[in-house]
Amino acid sequence: LRLITYSIGGVVVLLVGYLVYRQFIFGPENDKSKGAY
């Protein structure tokens, strides 16, 4: 169970939500990094 607790699907949910949030408040120096991963 531990190995799939945060499976790729779960990571997608976490990171997309996190990214959307940060896109609105983070400075322009991060623009190029946002889609890099």
All heavy atoms as atom14 arrays in JSON, in Angstrom:
{
  "sequence": "LRLITYSIGGVVVLLVGYLVYRQFIFGPENDKSKGAY",
  "atom14_mask": [
    [1, 1, 1, 1, 1, 1, 1, 1, 0, 0, 0, 0, 0, 0],
    [1, 1, 1, 1, 1, 1, 1, 1, 1, 1, 1, 0, 0, 0],
    [1, 1, 1, 1, 1, 1, 1, 1, 0, 0, 0, 0, 0, 0],
    [1, 1, 1, 1, 1, 1, 1, 1, 0, 0, 0, 0, 0, 0],
    [1, 1, 1, 1, 1, 1, 1, 0, 0, 0, 0, 0, 0, 0],
    [1, 1, 1, 1, 1, 1, 1, 1, 1, 1, 1, 1, 0, 0],
    [1, 1, 1, 1, 1, 1, 0, 0, 0, 0, 0, 0, 0, 0],
    [1, 1, 1, 1, 1, 1, 1, 1, 0, 0, 0, 0, 0, 0],
    [1, 1, 1, 1, 0, 0, 0, 0, 0, 0, 0, 0, 0, 0],
    [1, 1, 1, 1, 0, 0, 0, 0, 0, 0, 0, 0, 0, 0],
    [1, 1, 1, 1, 1, 1, 1, 0, 0, 0, 0, 0, 0, 0],
    [1, 1, 1, 1, 1, 1, 1, 0, 0, 0, 0, 0, 0, 0],
    [1, 1, 1, 1, 1, 1, 1, 0, 0, 0, 0, 0, 0, 0],
    [1, 1, 1, 1, 1, 1, 1, 1, 0, 0, 0, 0, 0, 0],
    [1, 1, 1, 1, 1, 1, 1, 1, 0, 0, 0, 0, 0, 0],
    [1, 1, 1, 1, 1, 1, 1, 0, 0, 0, 0, 0, 0, 0],
    [1, 1, 1, 1, 0, 0, 0, 0, 0, 0, 0, 0, 0, 0],
    [1, 1, 1, 1, 1, 1, 1, 1, 1, 1, 1, 1, 0, 0],
    [1, 1, 1, 1, 1, 1, 1, 1, 0, 0, 0, 0, 0, 0],
    [1, 1, 1, 1, 1, 1, 1, 0, 0, 0, 0, 0, 0, 0],
    [1, 1, 1, 1, 1, 1, 1, 1, 1, 1, 1, 1, 0, 0],
    [1, 1, 1, 1, 1, 1, 1, 1, 1, 1, 1, 0, 0, 0],
    [1, 1, 1, 1, 1, 1, 1, 1, 1, 0, 0, 0, 0, 0],
    [1, 1, 1, 1, 1, 1, 1, 1, 1, 1, 1, 0, 0, 0],
    [1, 1, 1, 1, 1, 1, 1, 1, 0, 0, 0, 0, 0, 0],
    [1, 1, 1, 1, 1, 1, 1, 1, 1, 1, 1, 0, 0, 0],
    [1, 1, 1, 1, 0, 0, 0, 0, 0, 0, 0, 0, 0, 0],
    [1, 1, 1, 1, 1, 1, 1, 0, 0, 0, 0, 0, 0, 0],
    [1, 1, 1, 1, 1, 1, 1, 1, 1, 0, 0, 0, 0, 0],
    [1, 1, 1, 1, 1, 1, 1, 1, 0, 0, 0, 0, 0, 0],
    [1, 1, 1, 1, 1, 1, 1, 1, 0, 0, 0, 0, 0, 0],
    [1, 1, 1, 1, 1, 1, 1, 1, 1, 0, 0, 0, 0, 0],
    [1, 1, 1, 1, 1, 1, 0, 0, 0, 0, 0, 0, 0, 0],
    [1, 1, 1, 1, 1, 1, 1, 1, 1, 0, 0, 0, 0, 0],
    [1, 1, 1, 1, 0, 0, 0, 0, 0, 0, 0, 0, 0, 0],
    [1, 1, 1, 1, 1, 0, 0, 0, 0, 0, 0, 0, 0, 0],
    [1, 1, 1, 1, 1, 1, 1, 1, 1, 1, 1, 1, 0, 0]
  ],
  "atom14_positions": [
    [[0.83, -1.21, 0.0], [0.0, 0.0, 0.0], [0.86, 1.25, 0.0], [0.59, 2.2, -0.72], [-0.91, 0.0, 1.23], [-1.73, 1.27, 1.48], [-2.74, 1.48, 0.36], [-2.44, 1.17, 2.82], [0.0, 0.0, 0.0], [0.0, 0.0, 0.0], [0.0, 0.0, 0.0], [0.0, 0.0, 0.0], [0.0, 0.0, 0.0], [0.0, 0.0, 0.0]],
    [[1.94, 1.23, 0.78], [2.79, 2.4, 0.87], [3.36, 2.78, -0.48], [3.49, 3.95, -0.81], [3.94, 2.14, 1.85], [3.51, 2.18, 3.3], [4.72, 2.29, 4.21], [5.66, 1.21, 4.0], [5.58, 0.03, 4.59], [4.58, -0.23, 5.39], [6.49, -0.89, 4.37], [0.0, 0.0, 0.0], [0.0, 0.0, 0.0], [0.0, 0.0, 0.0]],
    [[3.73, 1.79, -1.27], [4.36, 2.08, -2.55], [3.42, 2.7, -3.55], [3.85, 3.28, -4.53], [4.95, 0.78, -3.12], [6.19, 0.28, -2.4], [6.64, -1.05, -2.99], [7.33, 1.29, -2.49], [0.0, 0.0, 0.0], [0.0, 0.0, 0.0], [0.0, 0.0, 0.0], [0.0, 0.0, 0.0], [0.0, 0.0, 0.0], [0.0, 0.0, 0.0]],
    [[2.11, 2.58, -3.31], [1.16, 3.18, -4.24], [0.33, 4.28, -3.6], [-0.59, 4.8, -4.19], [0.2, 2.12, -4.83], [-0.63, 1.46, -3.72], [0.97, 1.09, -5.62], [-1.71, 0.54, -4.25], [0.0, 0.0, 0.0], [0.0, 0.0, 0.0], [0.0, 0.0, 0.0], [0.0, 0.0, 0.0], [0.0, 0.0, 0.0], [0.0, 0.0, 0.0]],
    [[0.69, 4.65, -2.35], [-0.09, 5.67, -1.64], [-0.19, 6.95, -2.45], [-1.24, 7.53, -2.59], [0.56, 5.98, -0.28], [0.57, 4.8, 0.48], [-0.25, 7.04, 0.45], [0.0, 0.0, 0.0], [0.0, 0.0, 0.0], [0.0, 0.0, 0.0], [0.0, 0.0, 0.0], [0.0, 0.0, 0.0], [0.0, 0.0, 0.0], [0.0, 0.0, 0.0]],
    [[0.96, 7.37, -2.98], [0.96, 8.53, -3.86], [1.49, 8.08, -5.21], [2.61, 8.36, -5.59], [1.79, 9.68, -3.26], [1.01, 10.41, -2.22], [1.05, 10.0, -0.9], [0.17, 11.46, -2.55], [0.29, 10.63, 0.07], [-0.59, 12.1, -1.59], [-0.52, 11.68, -0.29], [-1.27, 12.3, 0.66], [0.0, 0.0, 0.0], [0.0, 0.0, 0.0]],
    [[0.65, 7.29, -5.89], [0.98, 6.78, -7.22], [1.02, 7.93, -8.19], [0.73, 9.06, -7.84], [-0.08, 5.77, -7.67], [-1.34, 6.41, -7.74], [0.0, 0.0, 0.0], [0.0, 0.0, 0.0], [0.0, 0.0, 0.0], [0.0, 0.0, 0.0], [0.0, 0.0, 0.0], [0.0, 0.0, 0.0], [0.0, 0.0, 0.0], [0.0, 0.0, 0.0]],
    [[1.37, 7.64, -9.43], [1.46, 8.7, -10.43], [0.16, 9.49, -10.51], [0.15, 10.71, -10.6], [1.82, 8.11, -11.81], [3.26, 7.58, -11.78], [1.71, 9.16, -12.89], [4.29, 8.61, -11.4], [0.0, 0.0, 0.0], [0.0, 0.0, 0.0], [0.0, 0.0, 0.0], [0.0, 0.0, 0.0], [0.0, 0.0, 0.0], [0.0, 0.0, 0.0]],
    [[-0.96, 8.8, -10.47], [-2.24, 9.51, -10.52], [-2.4, 10.46, -9.37], [-2.85, 11.6, -9.54], [0.0, 0.0, 0.0], [0.0, 0.0, 0.0], [0.0, 0.0, 0.0], [0.0, 0.0, 0.0], [0.0, 0.0, 0.0], [0.0, 0.0, 0.0], [0.0, 0.0, 0.0], [0.0, 0.0, 0.0], [0.0, 0.0, 0.0], [0.0, 0.0, 0.0]],
    [[-2.0, 10.02, -8.16], [-2.09, 10.88, -7.0], [-1.15, 12.05, -7.09], [-1.48, 13.18, -6.72], [0.0, 0.0, 0.0], [0.0, 0.0, 0.0], [0.0, 0.0, 0.0], [0.0, 0.0, 0.0], [0.0, 0.0, 0.0], [0.0, 0.0, 0.0], [0.0, 0.0, 0.0], [0.0, 0.0, 0.0], [0.0, 0.0, 0.0], [0.0, 0.0, 0.0]],
    [[0.05, 11.8, -7.59], [1.01, 12.88, -7.76], [0.5, 13.92, -8.73], [0.67, 15.12, -8.54], [2.37, 12.32, -8.23], [3.3, 13.46, -8.63], [3.01, 11.49, -7.14], [0.0, 0.0, 0.0], [0.0, 0.0, 0.0], [0.0, 0.0, 0.0], [0.0, 0.0, 0.0], [0.0, 0.0, 0.0], [0.0, 0.0, 0.0], [0.0, 0.0, 0.0]],
    [[-0.16, 13.47, -9.79], [-0.71, 14.4, -10.77], [-1.69, 15.35, -10.09], [-1.65, 16.56, -10.29], [-1.42, 13.65, -11.92], [-2.17, 14.64, -12.8], [-0.41, 12.88, -12.76], [0.0, 0.0, 0.0], [0.0, 0.0, 0.0], [0.0, 0.0, 0.0], [0.0, 0.0, 0.0], [0.0, 0.0, 0.0], [0.0, 0.0, 0.0], [0.0, 0.0, 0.0]],
    [[-2.59, 14.8, -9.28], [-3.58, 15.62, -8.6], [-2.91, 16.63, -7.69], [-3.26, 17.82, -7.69], [-4.54, 14.73, -7.77], [-5.46, 15.58, -6.93], [-5.35, 13.83, -8.69], [0.0, 0.0, 0.0], [0.0, 0.0, 0.0], [0.0, 0.0, 0.0], [0.0, 0.0, 0.0], [0.0, 0.0, 0.0], [0.0, 0.0, 0.0], [0.0, 0.0, 0.0]],
    [[-1.94, 16.18, -6.92], [-1.25, 17.08, -6.01], [-0.53, 18.19, -6.75], [-0.66, 19.37, -6.41], [-0.21, 16.29, -5.19], [-0.75, 15.38, -4.09], [0.4, 14.56, -3.51], [-1.41, 16.19, -3.0], [0.0, 0.0, 0.0], [0.0, 0.0, 0.0], [0.0, 0.0, 0.0], [0.0, 0.0, 0.0], [0.0, 0.0, 0.0], [0.0, 0.0, 0.0]],
    [[0.19, 17.82, -7.76], [1.04, 18.79, -8.42], [0.27, 19.75, -9.29], [0.6, 20.94, -9.35], [2.09, 18.06, -9.26], [3.06, 17.18, -8.46], [4.14, 16.61, -9.36], [3.7, 17.98, -7.34], [0.0, 0.0, 0.0], [0.0, 0.0, 0.0], [0.0, 0.0, 0.0], [0.0, 0.0, 0.0], [0.0, 0.0, 0.0], [0.0, 0.0, 0.0]],
    [[-0.75, 19.28, -9.97], [-1.55, 20.18, -10.8], [-2.23, 21.23, -9.94], [-2.22, 22.42, -10.24], [-2.59, 19.4, -11.64], [-3.56, 20.37, -12.29], [-1.89, 18.58, -12.71], [0.0, 0.0, 0.0], [0.0, 0.0, 0.0], [0.0, 0.0, 0.0], [0.0, 0.0, 0.0], [0.0, 0.0, 0.0], [0.0, 0.0, 0.0], [0.0, 0.0, 0.0]],
    [[-2.81, 20.77, -8.81], [-3.46, 21.72, -7.91], [-2.46, 22.72, -7.35], [-2.73, 23.92, -7.27], [0.0, 0.0, 0.0], [0.0, 0.0, 0.0], [0.0, 0.0, 0.0], [0.0, 0.0, 0.0], [0.0, 0.0, 0.0], [0.0, 0.0, 0.0], [0.0, 0.0, 0.0], [0.0, 0.0, 0.0], [0.0, 0.0, 0.0], [0.0, 0.0, 0.0]],
    [[-1.31, 22.23, -6.98], [-0.27, 23.08, -6.44], [0.22, 24.08, -7.48], [0.38, 25.26, -7.2], [0.88, 22.18, -5.98], [2.11, 22.91, -5.49], [2.02, 23.84, -4.46], [3.35, 22.64, -6.05], [3.15, 24.49, -4.0], [4.48, 23.29, -5.6], [4.37, 24.21, -4.56], [5.49, 24.84, -4.11], [0.0, 0.0, 0.0], [0.0, 0.0, 0.0]],
    [[0.4, 23.6, -8.71], [0.89, 24.46, -9.78], [-0.09, 25.58, -10.1], [0.29, 26.74, -10.23], [1.16, 23.63, -11.04], [1.64, 24.41, -12.27], [2.94, 25.14, -11.99], [1.81, 23.47, -13.46], [0.0, 0.0, 0.0], [0.0, 0.0, 0.0], [0.0, 0.0, 0.0], [0.0, 0.0, 0.0], [0.0, 0.0, 0.0], [0.0, 0.0, 0.0]],
    [[-1.36, 25.22, -10.21], [-2.38, 26.23, -10.52], [-2.39, 27.31, -9.45], [-2.46, 28.5, -9.74], [-3.77, 25.58, -10.63], [-4.86, 26.64, -10.69], [-3.84, 24.69, -11.87], [0.0, 0.0, 0.0], [0.0, 0.0, 0.0], [0.0, 0.0, 0.0], [0.0, 0.0, 0.0], [0.0, 0.0, 0.0], [0.0, 0.0, 0.0], [0.0, 0.0, 0.0]],
    [[-2.31, 26.89, -8.21], [-2.29, 27.85, -7.1], [-1.09, 28.78, -7.2], [-1.23, 30.01, -7.13], [-2.25, 27.07, -5.77], [-2.0, 27.93, -4.57], [-2.98, 28.78, -4.07], [-0.77, 27.88, -3.92], [-2.74, 29.57, -2.94], [-0.54, 28.66, -2.8], [-1.52, 29.5, -2.32], [-1.29, 30.26, -1.21], [0.0, 0.0, 0.0], [0.0, 0.0, 0.0]],
    [[0.08, 28.2, -7.39], [1.28, 29.0, -7.41], [1.39, 29.9, -8.63], [2.02, 30.95, -8.59], [2.52, 28.09, -7.33], [2.69, 27.39, -6.0], [2.89, 28.35, -4.85], [4.15, 29.07, -4.96], [5.28, 28.67, -4.38], [5.31, 27.54, -3.69], [6.37, 29.38, -4.51], [0.0, 0.0, 0.0], [0.0, 0.0, 0.0], [0.0, 0.0, 0.0]],
    [[0.78, 29.51, -9.73], [0.86, 30.31, -10.95], [0.3, 31.72, -10.75], [0.71, 32.67, -11.39], [0.12, 29.63, -12.1], [0.94, 28.52, -12.75], [0.2, 27.84, -13.86], [-1.03, 27.83, -13.89], [0.93, 27.26, -14.79], [0.0, 0.0, 0.0], [0.0, 0.0, 0.0], [0.0, 0.0, 0.0], [0.0, 0.0, 0.0], [0.0, 0.0, 0.0]],
    [[-0.65, 31.84, -9.84], [-1.3, 33.13, -9.64], [-0.55, 34.03, -8.66], [-0.78, 35.23, -8.62], [-2.73, 32.92, -9.14], [-3.65, 32.4, -10.21], [-3.98, 31.06, -10.27], [-4.17, 33.25, -11.18], [-4.83, 30.58, -11.26], [-5.0, 32.77, -12.17], [-5.33, 31.44, -12.21], [0.0, 0.0, 0.0], [0.0, 0.0, 0.0], [0.0, 0.0, 0.0]],
    [[0.35, 33.45, -7.88], [1.0, 34.27, -6.86], [2.51, 34.31, -7.0], [3.17, 35.08, -6.33], [0.64, 33.79, -5.44], [1.2, 32.39, -5.17], [-0.85, 33.8, -5.22], [1.06, 31.97, -3.71], [0.0, 0.0, 0.0], [0.0, 0.0, 0.0], [0.0, 0.0, 0.0], [0.0, 0.0, 0.0], [0.0, 0.0, 0.0], [0.0, 0.0, 0.0]],
    [[3.06, 33.46, -7.84], [4.52, 33.39, -7.95], [5.02, 34.39, -8.98], [4.35, 34.71, -9.95], [4.94, 31.97, -8.35], [6.08, 31.46, -7.53], [5.92, 31.23, -6.17], [7.31, 31.22, -8.1], [6.97, 30.76, -5.41], [8.37, 30.73, -7.34], [8.2, 30.5, -5.99], [0.0, 0.0, 0.0], [0.0, 0.0, 0.0], [0.0, 0.0, 0.0]],
    [[6.23, 34.88, -8.77], [6.8, 35.91, -9.63], [7.13, 35.41, -11.02], [7.21, 34.21, -11.27], [0.0, 0.0, 0.0], [0.0, 0.0, 0.0], [0.0, 0.0, 0.0], [0.0, 0.0, 0.0], [0.0, 0.0, 0.0], [0.0, 0.0, 0.0], [0.0, 0.0, 0.0], [0.0, 0.0, 0.0], [0.0, 0.0, 0.0], [0.0, 0.0, 0.0]],
    [[7.39, 36.33, -11.96], [7.66, 35.99, -13.35], [8.94, 35.19, -13.54], [9.12, 34.53, -14.57], [7.76, 37.36, -14.04], [8.05, 38.32, -12.93], [7.33, 37.77, -11.74], [0.0, 0.0, 0.0], [0.0, 0.0, 0.0], [0.0, 0.0, 0.0], [0.0, 0.0, 0.0], [0.0, 0.0, 0.0], [0.0, 0.0, 0.0], [0.0, 0.0, 0.0]],
    [[9.85, 35.2, -12.55], [11.08, 34.45, -12.69], [10.83, 32.95, -12.76], [11.68, 32.18, -13.16], [12.04, 34.76, -11.52], [11.57, 34.29, -10.15], [10.69, 35.32, -9.46], [10.23, 36.27, -10.12], [10.47, 35.16, -8.25], [0.0, 0.0, 0.0], [0.0, 0.0, 0.0], [0.0, 0.0, 0.0], [0.0, 0.0, 0.0], [0.0, 0.0, 0.0]],
    [[9.63, 32.54, -12.38], [9.3, 31.12, -12.4], [8.54, 30.7, -13.66], [8.21, 29.53, -13.8], [8.44, 30.76, -11.17], [9.28, 30.71, -9.91], [10.03, 29.78, -9.71], [9.16, 31.73, -9.08], [0.0, 0.0, 0.0], [0.0, 0.0, 0.0], [0.0, 0.0, 0.0], [0.0, 0.0, 0.0], [0.0, 0.0, 0.0], [0.0, 0.0, 0.0]],
    [[8.24, 31.64, -14.54], [7.41, 31.32, -15.71], [7.94, 30.15, -16.52], [7.19, 29.26, -16.93], [7.29, 32.56, -16.61], [6.36, 33.61, -16.0], [5.66, 33.29, -15.02], [6.35, 34.73, -16.51], [0.0, 0.0, 0.0], [0.0, 0.0, 0.0], [0.0, 0.0, 0.0], [0.0, 0.0, 0.0], [0.0, 0.0, 0.0], [0.0, 0.0, 0.0]],
    [[9.24, 30.15, -16.77], [9.82, 29.1, -17.61], [9.83, 27.74, -16.93], [9.88, 26.71, -17.59], [11.25, 29.49, -18.01], [11.32, 30.66, -18.97], [12.76, 30.94, -19.36], [12.85, 32.12, -20.34], [14.26, 32.4, -20.72], [0.0, 0.0, 0.0], [0.0, 0.0, 0.0], [0.0, 0.0, 0.0], [0.0, 0.0, 0.0], [0.0, 0.0, 0.0]],
    [[9.78, 27.73, -15.62], [9.87, 26.47, -14.88], [8.55, 25.73, -14.8], [8.52, 24.53, -14.58], [10.38, 26.73, -13.46], [9.33, 27.2, -12.62], [0.0, 0.0, 0.0], [0.0, 0.0, 0.0], [0.0, 0.0, 0.0], [0.0, 0.0, 0.0], [0.0, 0.0, 0.0], [0.0, 0.0, 0.0], [0.0, 0.0, 0.0], [0.0, 0.0, 0.0]],
    [[7.44, 26.47, -14.99], [6.14, 25.91, -14.65], [5.75, 24.68, -15.46], [5.06, 23.79, -14.97], [5.07, 26.99, -14.77], [5.18, 28.04, -13.67], [4.2, 29.18, -13.87], [4.34, 30.21, -12.77], [3.49, 31.39, -12.97], [0.0, 0.0, 0.0], [0.0, 0.0, 0.0], [0.0, 0.0, 0.0], [0.0, 0.0, 0.0], [0.0, 0.0, 0.0]],
    [[6.17, 24.64, -16.71], [5.84, 23.46, -17.52], [7.02, 22.54, -17.74], [6.93, 21.57, -18.49], [0.0, 0.0, 0.0], [0.0, 0.0, 0.0], [0.0, 0.0, 0.0], [0.0, 0.0, 0.0], [0.0, 0.0, 0.0], [0.0, 0.0, 0.0], [0.0, 0.0, 0.0], [0.0, 0.0, 0.0], [0.0, 0.0, 0.0], [0.0, 0.0, 0.0]],
    [[8.13, 22.83, -17.06], [9.37, 22.11, -17.33], [9.31, 20.64, -16.93], [10.01, 19.8, -17.51], [10.53, 22.8, -16.62], [0.0, 0.0, 0.0], [0.0, 0.0, 0.0], [0.0, 0.0, 0.0], [0.0, 0.0, 0.0], [0.0, 0.0, 0.0], [0.0, 0.0, 0.0], [0.0, 0.0, 0.0], [0.0, 0.0, 0.0], [0.0, 0.0, 0.0]],
    [[8.49, 20.32, -15.94], [8.46, 18.95, -15.44], [7.47, 18.05, -16.19], [7.42, 16.84, -15.95], [8.11, 18.94, -13.95], [6.7, 19.37, -13.66], [5.64, 18.46, -13.64], [6.4, 20.71, -13.39], [4.35, 18.87, -13.38], [5.12, 21.12, -13.13], [4.1, 20.21, -13.13], [2.82, 20.61, -12.87], [0.0, 0.0, 0.0], [0.0, 0.0, 0.0]]
  ]
}
